[in-house]
Amino acid sequence: MGQTLLSDLHPALHGRICVRALITGVTGFAGSHLAEMLVSQNDEVIGVARHPRATLDWLQNRITLVFADLQHPGVVRDLLDHHRPDVVYHLAGQAFVPLSWRDPWDTLQNNIRPQLNLLQSLVDLKLDTRLLVVTSNQVYGHVTQSDLPVAEDAPFRPDNPYGVSKAAQDLLGLQYFQSHGVNVLRARPFNHIGPRQSPMFVAASFARQIARIEAGLSEPVIKVGNLEARRDFTDVVDVVRAYTLLARHGQPGEAYNIGVGRAYSIQYLLDTLLSFTTRSIEVCPDADRMRPADVPVIYADNRKLREATGWKPTISFEDSLLRVLEYWRSETQQSLKTHS
């Protein structure tokens, strides 16, 4: 297989001609935002979801929604053979670190097997489709102060099962590029936040709790885990824009960090959200929200991404948090109307 760039396959790409994009995990947090962005650019979008109950009502009739279990090689092969996309954004998988501690094998299986099936199907079908593999900053795992900011050549030292699964995905992408010439790129996003994120994640969890307190549905107490950890947070809109830029401008076989390049403490995240409400709220530590291993601080060296694509974040951390809180306020009010 060759290593043709997507822009070579479509010479007018920078003029935004229609590109056929397939998104796995399209009904997930980042997947749904990516679908919105690609539709707004007039790309043809085939979205893959595992469960028929998953929907994207606001994109109805604007994307082709396919239900498929990517664990099965034949299903993946037929999917790619039928649609023959120009680019695949592979976002599907188990994305919650604490869940990986409770069921490590499920996380490994859900994150590794579908990608292996995609890679092997591209080889078998001799497709020059560009594949963007979304891994995670969790591949870096335990980092020290001397490692910061973390660059793409930092060693893999994952300290949780989710990180191990993402390191395997990352290395599989590299191996298939080196062994078979698959047109693959590896994206390593750091923490991202925004509307529609599951309340299992910290910003959404805090925002949902605040919205419920404001609506009188919960006592004025917010439960928290480790507030000292410091993370690199990027708005999901900026993250998926980085995906689209990498699909056009990234170098096959390479890995790219996606992050703003600055660490914010969970304490600051909480204080910022609390500053958006007039309610007096007590903060209560919750042992169930603590992790067996937690890196004190990590943030990205994003120079490689910026130099390759011209990417830079456009939404501030504070504005992004307000977007999250407004989303949960709206969801809470809608739930009240539905049950009234």
Protein backbone atom coordinates (compact mmCIF):
# COMPACT_ATOMS: atom_id res chain seq x y z
CA MET A 1 0.00 0.00 0.00
CA GLY A 2 1.15 3.54 -0.65
CA GLN A 3 1.36 6.39 1.79
CA THR A 4 -0.75 8.86 -0.16
CA LEU A 5 -1.84 11.93 1.75
CA LEU A 6 -5.56 12.69 1.85
CA SER A 7 -4.82 15.98 0.14
CA ASP A 8 -3.15 14.03 -2.66
CA LEU A 9 -6.20 11.81 -3.03
CA HIS A 10 -8.33 14.95 -3.22
CA PRO A 11 -6.33 17.81 -4.78
CA ALA A 12 -9.14 20.29 -4.12
CA LEU A 13 -9.47 19.31 -0.46
CA HIS A 14 -8.32 22.66 0.81
CA GLY A 15 -11.18 24.15 -1.17
CA ARG A 16 -13.43 21.89 0.93
CA ILE A 17 -14.74 19.49 -1.69
CA CYS A 18 -16.87 16.72 -0.25
CA VAL A 19 -14.87 14.04 1.54
CA ARG A 20 -16.40 10.72 2.58
CA ALA A 21 -15.64 10.32 6.29
CA LEU A 22 -16.46 7.35 8.48
CA ILE A 23 -16.59 7.96 12.24
CA THR A 24 -16.58 5.06 14.68
CA GLY A 25 -18.14 5.90 18.03
CA VAL A 26 -20.16 8.64 16.35
CA THR A 27 -22.77 8.82 19.12
CA GLY A 28 -20.12 9.33 21.78
CA PHE A 29 -18.96 12.65 23.21
CA ALA A 30 -16.20 13.57 20.75
CA GLY A 31 -17.74 11.57 17.90
CA SER A 32 -20.95 13.59 17.89
CA HIS A 33 -19.06 16.89 17.89
CA LEU A 34 -16.83 15.64 15.08
CA ALA A 35 -19.88 14.64 13.03
CA GLU A 36 -21.34 18.13 13.49
CA MET A 37 -18.11 19.75 12.34
CA LEU A 38 -17.73 17.56 9.25
CA VAL A 39 -21.37 18.08 8.26
CA SER A 40 -20.86 21.84 8.58
CA GLN A 41 -17.95 21.46 6.13
CA ASN A 42 -20.24 19.61 3.69
CA ASP A 43 -18.41 16.31 4.06
CA GLU A 44 -20.31 13.07 3.62
CA VAL A 45 -20.45 11.39 7.03
CA ILE A 46 -21.02 7.72 7.77
CA GLY A 47 -21.38 7.29 11.52
CA VAL A 48 -20.93 3.91 13.18
CA ALA A 49 -22.58 3.09 16.50
CA ARG A 50 -22.78 -0.21 18.32
CA HIS A 51 -26.27 0.02 19.83
CA PRO A 52 -29.43 0.69 17.80
CA ARG A 53 -30.81 2.76 20.68
CA ALA A 54 -28.05 5.34 20.10
CA THR A 55 -29.25 8.37 18.15
CA LEU A 56 -28.13 11.74 16.87
CA ASP A 57 -31.54 13.35 16.44
CA TRP A 58 -30.18 16.81 15.62
CA LEU A 59 -28.20 15.34 12.70
CA GLN A 60 -31.08 13.24 11.37
CA ASN A 61 -30.99 12.91 7.57
CA ARG A 62 -27.62 14.69 7.51
CA ILE A 63 -25.44 11.64 8.18
CA THR A 64 -25.69 7.94 7.38
CA LEU A 65 -25.96 6.09 10.71
CA VAL A 66 -24.83 2.46 10.69
CA PHE A 67 -25.10 0.02 13.59
CA ALA A 68 -22.24 -2.46 13.73
CA ASP A 69 -20.22 -4.42 16.28
CA LEU A 70 -16.61 -3.67 15.39
CA GLN A 71 -15.42 -6.62 17.45
CA HIS A 72 -16.16 -8.88 14.46
CA PRO A 73 -13.58 -8.84 11.62
CA GLY A 74 -16.11 -9.71 8.91
CA VAL A 75 -18.42 -6.90 9.96
CA VAL A 76 -15.59 -4.36 9.77
CA ARG A 77 -14.39 -5.65 6.42
CA ASP A 78 -17.89 -5.44 4.92
CA LEU A 79 -18.37 -1.96 6.38
CA LEU A 80 -15.19 -0.61 4.78
CA ASP A 81 -15.74 -2.46 1.52
CA HIS A 82 -19.26 -1.09 1.17
CA HIS A 83 -18.57 2.55 2.04
CA ARG A 84 -14.90 2.87 0.96
CA PRO A 85 -14.33 6.07 2.94
CA ASP A 86 -11.59 8.58 2.19
CA VAL A 87 -10.85 8.90 5.90
CA VAL A 88 -11.77 6.93 9.02
CA TYR A 89 -11.85 8.65 12.38
CA HIS A 90 -11.59 5.83 14.90
CA LEU A 91 -13.06 7.09 18.18
CA ALA A 92 -14.99 4.03 19.36
CA GLY A 93 -14.04 2.33 22.60
CA GLN A 94 -14.22 2.32 26.39
CA ALA A 95 -13.03 5.76 27.51
CA PHE A 96 -13.49 5.86 31.31
CA VAL A 97 -10.35 5.20 33.35
CA PRO A 98 -12.07 4.07 36.60
CA LEU A 99 -14.11 1.51 34.66
CA SER A 100 -10.88 0.01 33.35
CA TRP A 101 -9.84 -0.74 36.93
CA ARG A 102 -13.12 -2.57 37.57
CA ASP A 103 -13.05 -4.59 34.34
CA PRO A 104 -9.60 -4.49 32.71
CA TRP A 105 -10.27 -7.16 30.11
CA ASP A 106 -13.44 -5.51 28.82
CA THR A 107 -11.46 -2.30 28.29
CA LEU A 108 -8.60 -4.09 26.53
CA GLN A 109 -10.99 -6.02 24.29
CA ASN A 110 -13.18 -3.02 23.44
CA ASN A 111 -10.26 -0.76 22.63
CA ILE A 112 -7.83 -3.08 20.86
CA ARG A 113 -9.90 -5.54 18.80
CA PRO A 114 -11.96 -3.03 16.77
CA GLN A 115 -8.84 -1.13 15.75
CA LEU A 116 -7.03 -4.32 14.80
CA ASN A 117 -10.02 -5.23 12.63
CA LEU A 118 -9.92 -1.83 10.94
CA LEU A 119 -6.20 -2.04 10.24
CA GLN A 120 -6.33 -5.59 8.90
CA SER A 121 -9.39 -4.84 6.75
CA LEU A 122 -7.60 -1.89 5.15
CA VAL A 123 -4.72 -4.23 4.30
CA ASP A 124 -6.97 -7.01 3.00
CA LEU A 125 -9.04 -4.64 0.86
CA LYS A 126 -5.94 -2.75 -0.34
CA LEU A 127 -7.60 0.56 0.57
CA ASP A 128 -5.53 3.72 0.85
CA THR A 129 -8.06 5.19 3.26
CA ARG A 130 -6.49 7.51 5.80
CA LEU A 131 -7.07 6.19 9.34
CA LEU A 132 -6.87 8.56 12.30
CA VAL A 133 -6.41 6.46 15.44
CA VAL A 134 -7.43 8.33 18.59
CA THR A 135 -5.42 7.11 21.56
CA SER A 136 -4.83 9.21 24.69
CA ASN A 137 -2.32 11.07 26.82
CA GLN A 138 -2.82 8.13 29.20
CA VAL A 139 -0.21 6.25 27.15
CA TYR A 140 2.44 8.36 28.88
CA GLY A 141 1.23 7.35 32.33
CA HIS A 142 3.61 8.18 35.16
CA VAL A 143 5.45 11.36 34.23
CA THR A 144 7.87 13.40 36.32
CA GLN A 145 8.48 17.12 36.41
CA SER A 146 11.45 16.68 34.09
CA ASP A 147 9.13 15.14 31.46
CA LEU A 148 6.94 18.26 31.24
CA PRO A 149 5.61 19.37 28.88
CA VAL A 150 5.16 15.85 27.52
CA ALA A 151 6.34 15.46 23.92
CA GLU A 152 5.48 12.64 21.54
CA ASP A 153 8.84 10.94 22.04
CA ALA A 154 8.24 10.48 25.77
CA PRO A 155 8.29 6.81 26.87
CA PHE A 156 5.06 4.88 27.42
CA ARG A 157 4.55 4.19 31.14
CA PRO A 158 0.78 3.66 31.48
CA ASP A 159 -0.37 3.29 35.07
CA ASN A 160 -3.92 2.01 34.51
CA PRO A 161 -5.57 -0.60 32.25
CA TYR A 162 -7.13 2.07 30.05
CA GLY A 163 -3.69 3.55 29.40
CA VAL A 164 -2.38 0.09 28.52
CA SER A 165 -5.19 -0.39 26.00
CA LYS A 166 -4.45 2.99 24.42
CA ALA A 167 -0.72 2.24 24.24
CA ALA A 168 -1.58 -0.98 22.41
CA GLN A 169 -3.77 0.95 19.96
CA ASP A 170 -1.01 3.47 19.39
CA LEU A 171 1.62 0.80 18.76
CA LEU A 172 -0.70 -1.20 16.51
CA GLY A 173 -1.14 1.89 14.35
CA LEU A 174 2.61 2.35 14.13
CA GLN A 175 3.19 -1.34 13.40
CA TYR A 176 0.67 -1.44 10.52
CA PHE A 177 2.19 1.70 9.05
CA GLN A 178 5.68 0.19 9.21
CA SER A 179 4.71 -3.35 8.18
CA HIS A 180 1.96 -2.70 5.63
CA GLY A 181 2.15 1.00 4.75
CA VAL A 182 -1.33 1.68 6.13
CA ASN A 183 -2.10 5.38 5.87
CA VAL A 184 -2.47 5.81 9.64
CA LEU A 185 -1.96 8.71 12.04
CA ARG A 186 -2.02 8.57 15.83
CA ALA A 187 -3.73 11.35 17.78
CA ARG A 188 -3.02 11.58 21.50
CA PRO A 189 -5.62 13.95 22.98
CA PHE A 190 -5.25 15.15 26.54
CA ASN A 191 -8.37 15.81 28.65
CA HIS A 192 -11.22 17.39 26.73
CA ILE A 193 -14.48 18.87 27.98
CA GLY A 194 -17.69 20.28 26.58
CA PRO A 195 -21.45 19.77 26.24
CA ARG A 196 -22.77 16.21 26.07
CA GLN A 197 -19.85 14.66 27.97
CA SER A 198 -20.84 11.88 30.35
CA PRO A 199 -21.18 12.93 34.02
CA MET A 200 -18.69 10.16 34.79
CA PHE A 201 -16.03 12.75 33.87
CA VAL A 202 -14.99 15.46 36.27
CA ALA A 203 -16.16 18.71 34.62
CA ALA A 204 -19.51 17.22 33.60
CA SER A 205 -19.92 15.62 37.04
CA PHE A 206 -19.40 18.89 38.88
CA ALA A 207 -21.57 20.86 36.44
CA ARG A 208 -24.42 18.37 36.66
CA GLN A 209 -24.32 18.43 40.45
CA ILE A 210 -24.43 22.24 40.45
CA ALA A 211 -27.33 22.31 37.97
CA ARG A 212 -29.33 19.87 40.10
CA ILE A 213 -28.63 21.91 43.23
CA GLU A 214 -29.78 25.08 41.46
CA ALA A 215 -32.98 23.31 40.39
CA GLY A 216 -33.70 22.15 43.95
CA LEU A 217 -33.21 18.48 43.04
CA SER A 218 -30.19 17.88 45.29
CA GLU A 219 -28.88 19.08 48.63
CA PRO A 220 -26.32 21.93 48.32
CA VAL A 221 -23.37 19.54 48.60
CA ILE A 222 -20.99 18.65 45.77
CA LYS A 223 -18.99 15.42 45.98
CA VAL A 224 -15.42 15.50 44.77
CA GLY A 225 -12.37 13.30 44.32
CA ASN A 226 -8.73 14.42 44.15
CA LEU A 227 -8.70 18.20 43.70
CA GLU A 228 -4.92 18.52 43.62
CA ALA A 229 -4.38 16.77 40.27
CA ARG A 230 -3.53 19.13 37.41
CA ARG A 231 -4.57 18.34 33.84
CA ASP A 232 -4.41 19.79 30.33
CA PHE A 233 -8.05 20.57 29.39
CA THR A 234 -9.15 21.45 25.85
CA ASP A 235 -12.66 22.20 24.61
CA VAL A 236 -14.01 19.29 22.56
CA VAL A 237 -14.66 21.61 19.60
CA ASP A 238 -10.96 22.44 19.44
CA VAL A 239 -10.06 18.76 19.83
CA VAL A 240 -12.19 17.55 16.93
CA ARG A 241 -10.95 20.45 14.80
CA ALA A 242 -7.45 19.11 15.44
CA TYR A 243 -8.64 15.70 14.20
CA THR A 244 -9.87 17.19 10.93
CA LEU A 245 -6.67 19.17 10.45
CA LEU A 246 -4.56 16.07 11.06
CA ALA A 247 -6.62 14.14 8.54
CA ARG A 248 -5.67 16.73 5.94
CA HIS A 249 -2.15 17.72 6.94
CA GLY A 250 -0.70 15.07 9.25
CA GLN A 251 2.20 12.84 8.23
CA PRO A 252 1.34 9.11 7.95
CA GLY A 253 2.90 7.03 10.71
CA GLU A 254 3.36 9.98 13.06
CA ALA A 255 1.84 10.66 16.48
CA TYR A 256 0.50 14.06 17.57
CA ASN A 257 -0.39 15.40 21.01
CA ILE A 258 -3.60 17.43 21.23
CA GLY A 259 -3.77 19.80 24.18
CA VAL A 260 -3.50 23.47 25.06
CA GLY A 261 -0.10 22.97 26.70
CA ARG A 262 -1.13 24.16 30.16
CA ALA A 263 -2.21 22.34 33.32
CA TYR A 264 -5.24 23.39 35.38
CA SER A 265 -5.91 21.95 38.82
CA ILE A 266 -9.20 20.19 39.51
CA GLN A 267 -9.54 22.64 42.38
CA TYR A 268 -9.44 25.55 39.91
CA LEU A 269 -11.93 23.75 37.67
CA LEU A 270 -14.31 23.38 40.61
CA ASP A 271 -13.81 26.95 41.83
CA THR A 272 -14.49 28.27 38.32
CA LEU A 273 -17.75 26.35 38.02
CA LEU A 274 -18.83 27.48 41.50
CA SER A 275 -18.14 31.08 40.48
CA PHE A 276 -20.89 30.74 37.86
CA THR A 277 -23.62 30.06 40.45
CA THR A 278 -25.14 32.20 43.20
CA ARG A 279 -25.91 29.17 45.34
CA SER A 280 -23.86 28.44 48.45
CA ILE A 281 -22.53 24.89 47.97
CA GLU A 282 -20.56 22.72 50.38
CA VAL A 283 -17.67 20.67 48.95
CA CYS A 284 -17.49 17.12 50.30
CA PRO A 285 -14.63 14.64 49.54
CA ASP A 286 -15.85 11.25 48.28
CA ALA A 287 -13.53 8.23 48.66
CA ASP A 288 -15.31 6.45 45.79
CA ARG A 289 -14.09 9.15 43.40
CA MET A 290 -10.42 8.55 44.19
CA ARG A 291 -8.26 6.46 41.81
CA PRO A 292 -5.74 3.76 42.76
CA ALA A 293 -3.09 5.70 40.81
CA ASP A 294 -3.24 9.35 39.82
CA VAL A 295 -0.49 11.34 38.09
CA PRO A 296 -0.08 14.67 39.95
CA VAL A 297 0.38 16.83 36.84
CA ILE A 298 0.55 16.36 33.08
CA TYR A 299 0.28 18.72 30.12
CA ALA A 300 1.12 18.55 26.44
CA ASP A 301 3.92 19.77 24.28
CA ASN A 302 1.73 20.62 21.27
CA ARG A 303 4.40 22.09 18.98
CA LYS A 304 4.31 19.17 16.56
CA LEU A 305 0.55 19.56 16.00
CA ARG A 306 0.80 23.33 15.61
CA GLU A 307 3.68 23.12 13.15
CA ALA A 308 1.97 20.44 11.05
CA THR A 309 -1.51 21.96 10.93
CA GLY A 310 -1.50 25.54 12.24
CA TRP A 311 -3.89 24.44 15.01
CA LYS A 312 -4.38 26.52 18.13
CA PRO A 313 -7.16 26.49 20.74
CA THR A 314 -9.97 28.98 20.25
CA ILE A 315 -12.12 28.43 23.36
CA SER A 316 -10.73 29.37 26.78
CA PHE A 317 -10.88 26.95 29.70
CA GLU A 318 -13.28 29.21 31.56
CA ASP A 319 -15.61 29.64 28.57
CA SER A 320 -15.54 25.89 28.02
CA LEU A 321 -16.58 25.26 31.63
CA LEU A 322 -19.44 27.72 31.28
CA ARG A 323 -20.58 25.84 28.17
CA VAL A 324 -20.59 22.61 30.19
CA LEU A 325 -22.60 24.15 33.02
CA GLU A 326 -25.14 25.73 30.64
CA TYR A 327 -25.60 22.37 28.96
CA TRP A 328 -26.39 20.64 32.26
CA ARG A 329 -28.70 23.48 33.30
CA SER A 330 -30.62 22.97 30.05
CA GLU A 331 -30.68 19.18 30.47
CA THR A 332 -31.92 19.52 34.05
CA GLN A 333 -34.70 21.90 33.09
CA GLN A 334 -35.73 19.67 30.20
CA SER A 335 -35.88 16.69 32.55
CA LEU A 336 -38.08 18.65 34.95
CA LYS A 337 -40.49 19.54 32.13
CA THR A 338 -40.58 15.94 30.93
CA HIS A 339 -41.49 14.62 34.38
CA SER A 340 -43.86 17.41 35.40
